Structures are given as C-alpha cells and as structure tokens.
N, C-alpha and C. Protein backbone atom coordinates (compact mmCIF):
# COMPACT_ATOMS: atom_id res chain seq x y z
N THR A 1 9.86 -3.68 -11.51
CA THR A 1 9.69 -2.99 -10.25
C THR A 1 9.25 -1.57 -10.51
N ILE A 2 8.27 -1.11 -9.77
CA ILE A 2 7.79 0.27 -9.87
C ILE A 2 8.40 1.07 -8.71
N TYR A 3 9.01 2.19 -9.06
CA TYR A 3 9.57 3.12 -8.08
C TYR A 3 8.78 4.42 -8.19
N ALA A 4 8.76 5.22 -7.13
CA ALA A 4 7.99 6.47 -7.18
C ALA A 4 8.63 7.53 -6.29
N TRP A 5 8.37 8.77 -6.64
CA TRP A 5 8.77 9.91 -5.82
C TRP A 5 7.66 10.94 -5.87
N SER A 6 7.57 11.75 -4.84
CA SER A 6 6.54 12.79 -4.75
C SER A 6 7.17 14.11 -4.37
N GLU A 7 6.52 15.18 -4.79
CA GLU A 7 6.94 16.52 -4.38
C GLU A 7 5.71 17.35 -4.07
N ILE A 8 5.86 18.26 -3.12
CA ILE A 8 4.79 19.20 -2.77
C ILE A 8 4.91 20.39 -3.72
N LEU A 9 3.84 20.66 -4.47
CA LEU A 9 3.86 21.76 -5.43
C LEU A 9 3.32 23.06 -4.85
N ASP A 10 2.38 22.95 -3.92
CA ASP A 10 1.74 24.15 -3.39
C ASP A 10 1.06 23.80 -2.08
N LYS A 11 0.82 24.80 -1.26
CA LYS A 11 -0.01 24.62 -0.07
C LYS A 11 -1.07 25.71 -0.09
N MET A 12 -2.27 25.36 0.37
CA MET A 12 -3.41 26.27 0.29
C MET A 12 -4.18 26.27 1.59
N GLU A 13 -4.69 27.43 1.94
CA GLU A 13 -5.61 27.52 3.07
C GLU A 13 -7.01 27.25 2.55
N ILE A 14 -7.85 26.71 3.40
CA ILE A 14 -9.24 26.45 3.06
C ILE A 14 -10.06 27.58 3.68
N PRO A 15 -10.73 28.39 2.85
CA PRO A 15 -11.50 29.51 3.40
C PRO A 15 -12.51 29.05 4.45
N GLY A 16 -12.52 29.75 5.56
CA GLY A 16 -13.46 29.44 6.63
C GLY A 16 -13.04 28.29 7.53
N ARG A 17 -11.88 27.70 7.28
CA ARG A 17 -11.42 26.57 8.10
C ARG A 17 -10.02 26.85 8.61
N ASN A 18 -9.81 26.67 9.91
CA ASN A 18 -8.46 26.81 10.44
C ASN A 18 -7.92 25.48 10.95
N ASP A 19 -8.72 24.42 10.81
CA ASP A 19 -8.30 23.10 11.29
C ASP A 19 -7.71 22.22 10.19
N ILE A 20 -7.93 22.58 8.92
CA ILE A 20 -7.39 21.80 7.80
C ILE A 20 -6.81 22.74 6.76
N GLY A 21 -5.91 22.21 5.97
CA GLY A 21 -5.34 22.91 4.83
C GLY A 21 -5.22 21.92 3.69
N ALA A 22 -4.75 22.38 2.54
CA ALA A 22 -4.62 21.50 1.38
C ALA A 22 -3.19 21.56 0.85
N LEU A 23 -2.71 20.44 0.38
CA LEU A 23 -1.41 20.35 -0.27
C LEU A 23 -1.61 19.83 -1.68
N ARG A 24 -0.99 20.49 -2.66
CA ARG A 24 -0.99 19.98 -4.03
C ARG A 24 0.28 19.16 -4.19
N VAL A 25 0.12 17.91 -4.62
CA VAL A 25 1.22 16.94 -4.67
C VAL A 25 1.36 16.39 -6.09
N ARG A 26 2.58 16.17 -6.52
CA ARG A 26 2.83 15.44 -7.77
C ARG A 26 3.56 14.16 -7.40
N THR A 27 3.06 13.03 -7.89
CA THR A 27 3.74 11.75 -7.73
C THR A 27 4.11 11.25 -9.11
N VAL A 28 5.37 10.90 -9.27
CA VAL A 28 5.88 10.37 -10.53
C VAL A 28 6.37 8.95 -10.25
N ALA A 29 5.94 8.00 -11.08
CA ALA A 29 6.36 6.61 -10.92
C ALA A 29 7.11 6.16 -12.17
N THR A 30 8.11 5.32 -11.96
CA THR A 30 8.90 4.80 -13.06
C THR A 30 8.92 3.27 -13.00
N LYS A 31 9.15 2.67 -14.15
CA LYS A 31 9.24 1.22 -14.23
C LYS A 31 10.71 0.84 -14.41
N ASP A 32 11.20 0.00 -13.50
CA ASP A 32 12.57 -0.53 -13.56
C ASP A 32 13.64 0.55 -13.56
N GLN A 33 13.35 1.70 -12.96
CA GLN A 33 14.36 2.75 -12.81
C GLN A 33 14.21 3.40 -11.44
N PRO A 34 15.20 3.22 -10.56
CA PRO A 34 15.13 3.87 -9.25
C PRO A 34 15.01 5.38 -9.40
N CYS A 35 14.47 6.02 -8.40
CA CYS A 35 14.14 7.45 -8.50
C CYS A 35 15.11 8.35 -7.75
N HIS A 36 16.29 7.88 -7.41
CA HIS A 36 17.23 8.72 -6.66
C HIS A 36 17.63 9.97 -7.42
N ASP A 37 17.51 9.98 -8.77
CA ASP A 37 17.83 11.18 -9.54
C ASP A 37 16.56 11.89 -10.05
N PHE A 38 15.41 11.53 -9.50
CA PHE A 38 14.12 12.15 -9.80
C PHE A 38 13.82 12.23 -11.31
N PRO A 39 13.77 11.09 -12.01
CA PRO A 39 13.48 11.13 -13.45
C PRO A 39 12.09 11.70 -13.70
N TYR A 40 11.97 12.52 -14.73
CA TYR A 40 10.68 13.13 -15.04
C TYR A 40 10.63 13.50 -16.52
N ARG A 41 11.13 14.67 -16.87
CA ARG A 41 11.13 15.13 -18.26
C ARG A 41 12.54 15.56 -18.67
N ASP A 42 12.79 15.49 -19.98
CA ASP A 42 14.09 15.95 -20.47
C ASP A 42 14.02 17.44 -20.80
N ALA A 43 15.09 17.99 -21.34
CA ALA A 43 15.18 19.43 -21.63
C ALA A 43 14.14 19.88 -22.65
N ASP A 44 13.68 18.96 -23.50
CA ASP A 44 12.66 19.29 -24.51
C ASP A 44 11.24 19.13 -23.99
N GLY A 45 11.09 18.70 -22.74
CA GLY A 45 9.76 18.53 -22.15
C GLY A 45 9.15 17.16 -22.36
N ASN A 46 9.91 16.24 -22.95
CA ASN A 46 9.41 14.88 -23.16
C ASN A 46 9.63 14.05 -21.90
N TYR A 47 8.68 13.17 -21.63
CA TYR A 47 8.82 12.29 -20.47
C TYR A 47 10.03 11.38 -20.62
N ASP A 48 10.68 11.12 -19.49
CA ASP A 48 11.70 10.09 -19.44
C ASP A 48 11.01 8.78 -19.85
N PRO A 49 11.65 7.95 -20.67
CA PRO A 49 11.00 6.71 -21.13
C PRO A 49 10.55 5.77 -20.01
N ALA A 50 11.13 5.88 -18.83
CA ALA A 50 10.77 5.00 -17.72
C ALA A 50 9.53 5.47 -16.97
N VAL A 51 9.08 6.71 -17.19
CA VAL A 51 7.93 7.25 -16.45
C VAL A 51 6.65 6.56 -16.90
N VAL A 52 5.92 6.00 -15.93
CA VAL A 52 4.65 5.34 -16.21
C VAL A 52 3.46 6.05 -15.56
N LEU A 53 3.74 7.03 -14.68
CA LEU A 53 2.67 7.76 -14.01
C LEU A 53 3.14 9.16 -13.67
N ASP A 54 2.30 10.14 -13.96
CA ASP A 54 2.51 11.53 -13.53
C ASP A 54 1.18 11.98 -12.98
N PHE A 55 1.05 11.97 -11.65
CA PHE A 55 -0.23 12.19 -10.98
C PHE A 55 -0.14 13.46 -10.15
N ASP A 56 -0.96 14.45 -10.50
CA ASP A 56 -1.02 15.74 -9.81
C ASP A 56 -2.35 15.76 -9.05
N TYR A 57 -2.30 15.89 -7.72
CA TYR A 57 -3.52 15.79 -6.93
C TYR A 57 -3.42 16.68 -5.70
N THR A 58 -4.57 16.90 -5.08
CA THR A 58 -4.65 17.74 -3.88
C THR A 58 -5.17 16.89 -2.73
N VAL A 59 -4.52 17.03 -1.58
CA VAL A 59 -4.94 16.30 -0.38
C VAL A 59 -5.26 17.29 0.73
N LEU A 60 -6.24 16.94 1.55
CA LEU A 60 -6.55 17.73 2.74
C LEU A 60 -5.76 17.18 3.91
N MET A 61 -5.22 18.07 4.71
CA MET A 61 -4.40 17.66 5.85
C MET A 61 -4.82 18.44 7.08
N PRO A 62 -4.78 17.80 8.26
CA PRO A 62 -5.03 18.57 9.48
C PRO A 62 -3.90 19.58 9.69
N ARG A 63 -4.26 20.73 10.18
CA ARG A 63 -3.26 21.76 10.47
C ARG A 63 -2.84 21.67 11.92
N ARG A 64 -1.64 22.11 12.20
CA ARG A 64 -1.18 22.18 13.59
C ARG A 64 -1.96 23.26 14.29
N MET A 65 -2.40 22.94 15.45
CA MET A 65 -3.11 23.93 16.26
C MET A 65 -2.10 24.61 17.16
N ALA A 66 -2.20 25.91 17.27
CA ALA A 66 -1.29 26.66 18.13
C ALA A 66 -1.52 26.25 19.58
N ALA A 67 -0.45 26.07 20.29
CA ALA A 67 -0.56 25.72 21.71
C ALA A 67 -1.10 26.92 22.48
N THR A 68 -2.02 26.65 23.35
CA THR A 68 -2.56 27.74 24.18
C THR A 68 -2.05 27.56 25.59
N THR A 69 -1.79 28.66 26.21
CA THR A 69 -1.33 28.61 27.60
C THR A 69 -2.30 29.42 28.45
N THR A 70 -2.43 28.98 29.65
CA THR A 70 -3.28 29.72 30.59
C THR A 70 -2.41 30.17 31.74
N SER A 71 -2.72 31.32 32.24
CA SER A 71 -1.96 31.80 33.40
C SER A 71 -2.84 31.70 34.63
N GLY A 72 -2.21 31.54 35.74
CA GLY A 72 -3.00 31.55 36.95
C GLY A 72 -2.66 30.54 37.88
C-alpha cells in the first residue's frame, strides 16, 4: 500500500497577475507505512526506508477575489 502526505512550502505572487498565485508543495509517499507521523528523513538527513517518493513542485491556483460592494 502506498501512503502519502503533502505540505505547503511557500506561496508566491505571480507578477502582473492578481487572479492567480503559486504554491510550492512537497509530497512524500511511503510504501507500507501510514503517514500519520509524517515519515521523511532521520536526524542525519537520510530518508526513512519506507519513503519511495519526495516530489517538490509548484502549482498555480486561483486567488480569492475581494468582494466588492456598491452603494446606492
């Protein structure tokens, strides 16, 4: 069984765009080890033996648009 967990590493604005932004994400997958304790690396920096994937990537996401109100 493959288990996985993800974390957001950073968020970035896209120059010239206010409708989208970017998130840097890390996804770590393990084989036959649930991820409730977030297995990754040990104190020496070595991967946990169950880790089969360490994927660092950036995704574009729509940004929330501020609500506008009109008076009148």
